[in-house]
Amino acid sequence: MNWVKNREKASYLPKREPAKSEFRKELSWQGEKLGKKLRKSQYFTQMRASEARSSERTEPARRKIG
């Protein structure tokens, strides 16, 4: 979030919220950082899927004990 740092540095400038395009750039940069250009919703569905997978790994062991 570079614009936050810049705003703090330039406190004498009028404060403003980032433009939507800047926010989109930030999101796309985060997507590239993950190695994928994902939309926000896709990212969260993938997170949920990975959480489900990790829970499935632990489930069979519990079933075997029972």
N, C-alpha and C. Protein backbone atom coordinates (compact mmCIF):
# COMPACT_ATOMS: atom_id res chain seq x y z
N MET A 1 0.86 -1.20 0.00
CA MET A 1 0.00 0.00 0.00
C MET A 1 0.89 1.25 0.00
N ASN A 2 1.49 1.51 -1.13
CA ASN A 2 2.43 2.62 -1.22
C ASN A 2 1.77 3.97 -1.00
N TRP A 3 0.53 4.09 -1.46
CA TRP A 3 -0.13 5.41 -1.36
C TRP A 3 -0.30 5.82 0.09
N VAL A 4 -0.44 4.85 1.01
CA VAL A 4 -0.58 5.19 2.43
C VAL A 4 0.73 5.80 2.93
N LYS A 5 1.85 5.15 2.61
CA LYS A 5 3.16 5.66 3.04
C LYS A 5 3.39 7.05 2.47
N ASN A 6 3.08 7.20 1.16
CA ASN A 6 3.30 8.50 0.53
C ASN A 6 2.44 9.57 1.17
N ARG A 7 1.21 9.22 1.54
CA ARG A 7 0.32 10.20 2.15
C ARG A 7 0.87 10.62 3.51
N GLU A 8 1.43 9.65 4.26
CA GLU A 8 2.00 9.96 5.57
C GLU A 8 3.21 10.89 5.41
N LYS A 9 4.04 10.60 4.41
CA LYS A 9 5.22 11.43 4.17
C LYS A 9 4.80 12.86 3.83
N ALA A 10 3.86 12.97 2.88
CA ALA A 10 3.43 14.29 2.41
C ALA A 10 2.17 14.70 3.18
N SER A 11 2.32 14.91 4.48
CA SER A 11 1.17 15.28 5.30
C SER A 11 0.68 16.69 5.00
N TYR A 12 1.55 17.51 4.39
CA TYR A 12 1.16 18.88 4.04
C TYR A 12 0.24 18.90 2.82
N LEU A 13 0.26 17.81 2.03
CA LEU A 13 -0.64 17.74 0.87
C LEU A 13 -2.05 17.39 1.35
N PRO A 14 -3.07 17.80 0.61
CA PRO A 14 -4.43 17.43 1.00
C PRO A 14 -4.61 15.91 0.96
N LYS A 15 -5.16 15.36 2.02
CA LYS A 15 -5.35 13.91 2.08
C LYS A 15 -6.49 13.51 1.15
N ARG A 16 -6.31 12.37 0.50
CA ARG A 16 -7.36 11.87 -0.38
C ARG A 16 -7.35 10.35 -0.38
N GLU A 17 -8.50 9.79 -0.70
CA GLU A 17 -8.59 8.34 -0.83
C GLU A 17 -8.04 7.94 -2.21
N PRO A 18 -7.51 6.72 -2.35
CA PRO A 18 -6.97 6.31 -3.64
C PRO A 18 -8.07 6.14 -4.68
N ALA A 19 -7.74 6.41 -5.92
CA ALA A 19 -8.70 6.19 -7.00
C ALA A 19 -8.96 4.69 -7.15
N LYS A 20 -10.11 4.35 -7.73
CA LYS A 20 -10.44 2.93 -7.88
C LYS A 20 -9.39 2.22 -8.73
N SER A 21 -8.89 2.91 -9.75
CA SER A 21 -7.88 2.28 -10.61
C SER A 21 -6.63 1.92 -9.80
N GLU A 22 -6.24 2.79 -8.86
CA GLU A 22 -5.08 2.50 -8.02
C GLU A 22 -5.35 1.27 -7.17
N PHE A 23 -6.57 1.18 -6.64
CA PHE A 23 -6.93 0.03 -5.81
C PHE A 23 -6.88 -1.24 -6.64
N ARG A 24 -7.39 -1.17 -7.87
CA ARG A 24 -7.36 -2.34 -8.75
C ARG A 24 -5.91 -2.74 -9.04
N LYS A 25 -5.05 -1.74 -9.28
CA LYS A 25 -3.63 -2.05 -9.52
C LYS A 25 -3.04 -2.77 -8.32
N GLU A 26 -3.38 -2.28 -7.13
CA GLU A 26 -2.86 -2.88 -5.91
C GLU A 26 -3.31 -4.35 -5.82
N LEU A 27 -4.60 -4.60 -6.11
CA LEU A 27 -5.12 -5.97 -6.06
C LEU A 27 -4.43 -6.84 -7.10
N SER A 28 -4.26 -6.32 -8.32
CA SER A 28 -3.62 -7.13 -9.36
C SER A 28 -2.17 -7.41 -8.99
N TRP A 29 -1.50 -6.44 -8.34
CA TRP A 29 -0.12 -6.65 -7.90
C TRP A 29 -0.08 -7.76 -6.87
N GLN A 30 -1.04 -7.77 -5.94
CA GLN A 30 -1.09 -8.84 -4.93
C GLN A 30 -1.32 -10.18 -5.61
N GLY A 31 -2.16 -10.19 -6.65
CA GLY A 31 -2.41 -11.42 -7.40
C GLY A 31 -1.15 -11.92 -8.07
N GLU A 32 -0.37 -11.00 -8.66
CA GLU A 32 0.88 -11.38 -9.30
C GLU A 32 1.87 -11.90 -8.27
N LYS A 33 1.83 -11.31 -7.08
CA LYS A 33 2.71 -11.75 -6.00
C LYS A 33 2.42 -13.21 -5.66
N LEU A 34 1.14 -13.60 -5.73
CA LEU A 34 0.77 -14.99 -5.47
C LEU A 34 1.05 -15.88 -6.69
N GLY A 35 1.48 -15.26 -7.77
CA GLY A 35 1.77 -16.01 -8.98
C GLY A 35 0.54 -16.21 -9.84
N LYS A 36 -0.53 -15.52 -9.52
CA LYS A 36 -1.77 -15.66 -10.29
C LYS A 36 -2.45 -14.32 -10.36
N LYS A 37 -3.11 -14.05 -11.49
CA LYS A 37 -3.93 -12.85 -11.57
C LYS A 37 -5.37 -13.28 -11.26
N LEU A 38 -5.73 -13.18 -10.01
CA LEU A 38 -7.04 -13.62 -9.58
C LEU A 38 -7.92 -12.43 -9.26
N ARG A 39 -9.20 -12.60 -9.49
CA ARG A 39 -10.14 -11.62 -8.96
C ARG A 39 -10.31 -11.91 -7.48
N LYS A 40 -10.78 -10.91 -6.75
CA LYS A 40 -10.89 -11.03 -5.29
C LYS A 40 -11.70 -12.27 -4.91
N SER A 41 -12.86 -12.47 -5.57
CA SER A 41 -13.73 -13.59 -5.21
C SER A 41 -13.04 -14.92 -5.48
N GLN A 42 -12.34 -15.01 -6.61
CA GLN A 42 -11.64 -16.26 -6.93
C GLN A 42 -10.60 -16.57 -5.86
N TYR A 43 -9.92 -15.51 -5.40
CA TYR A 43 -8.88 -15.70 -4.38
C TYR A 43 -9.48 -16.30 -3.11
N PHE A 44 -10.64 -15.75 -2.69
CA PHE A 44 -11.22 -16.23 -1.44
C PHE A 44 -11.79 -17.64 -1.59
N THR A 45 -12.37 -17.95 -2.75
CA THR A 45 -12.88 -19.31 -2.94
C THR A 45 -11.73 -20.30 -2.91
N GLN A 46 -10.58 -19.90 -3.49
CA GLN A 46 -9.42 -20.78 -3.48
C GLN A 46 -8.91 -20.99 -2.05
N MET A 47 -8.93 -19.92 -1.26
CA MET A 47 -8.52 -20.03 0.14
C MET A 47 -9.40 -21.05 0.86
N ARG A 48 -10.72 -20.94 0.67
CA ARG A 48 -11.65 -21.87 1.31
C ARG A 48 -11.39 -23.29 0.86
N ALA A 49 -11.13 -23.47 -0.44
CA ALA A 49 -10.86 -24.80 -0.97
C ALA A 49 -9.62 -25.40 -0.33
N SER A 50 -8.57 -24.59 -0.19
CA SER A 50 -7.32 -25.09 0.40
C SER A 50 -7.55 -25.43 1.87
N GLU A 51 -8.38 -24.63 2.56
CA GLU A 51 -8.69 -24.94 3.97
C GLU A 51 -9.43 -26.27 4.06
N ALA A 52 -10.37 -26.49 3.13
CA ALA A 52 -11.13 -27.75 3.13
C ALA A 52 -10.19 -28.93 2.90
N ARG A 53 -9.25 -28.76 1.96
CA ARG A 53 -8.29 -29.82 1.67
C ARG A 53 -7.45 -30.15 2.90
N SER A 54 -7.01 -29.11 3.60
CA SER A 54 -6.15 -29.34 4.77
C SER A 54 -6.94 -30.05 5.87
N SER A 55 -8.24 -29.73 6.00
CA SER A 55 -9.04 -30.41 7.02
C SER A 55 -9.30 -31.86 6.62
N GLU A 56 -9.44 -32.12 5.31
CA GLU A 56 -9.65 -33.50 4.83
C GLU A 56 -8.45 -34.36 5.17
N ARG A 57 -7.26 -33.79 5.13
CA ARG A 57 -6.05 -34.55 5.43
C ARG A 57 -6.07 -35.08 6.86
N THR A 58 -6.59 -34.27 7.78
CA THR A 58 -6.59 -34.69 9.19
C THR A 58 -7.78 -35.59 9.52
N GLU A 59 -8.86 -35.48 8.73
CA GLU A 59 -10.07 -36.25 9.04
C GLU A 59 -9.86 -37.77 9.01
N PRO A 60 -9.26 -38.36 7.96
CA PRO A 60 -9.16 -39.82 7.88
C PRO A 60 -8.48 -40.44 9.11
N ALA A 61 -7.47 -39.76 9.64
CA ALA A 61 -6.78 -40.28 10.82
C ALA A 61 -7.76 -40.40 11.99
N ARG A 62 -8.59 -39.41 12.17
CA ARG A 62 -9.58 -39.45 13.25
C ARG A 62 -10.56 -40.60 13.05
N ARG A 63 -10.95 -40.82 11.78
CA ARG A 63 -11.90 -41.89 11.49
C ARG A 63 -11.29 -43.26 11.80
N LYS A 64 -10.01 -43.42 11.48
CA LYS A 64 -9.35 -44.71 11.73
C LYS A 64 -9.34 -45.02 13.23
N ILE A 65 -9.08 -44.02 14.04
CA ILE A 65 -9.03 -44.23 15.49
C ILE A 65 -10.41 -44.68 15.99
N GLY A 66 -11.46 -44.04 15.45
CA GLY A 66 -12.82 -44.36 15.88
C GLY A 66 -13.21 -45.73 15.41
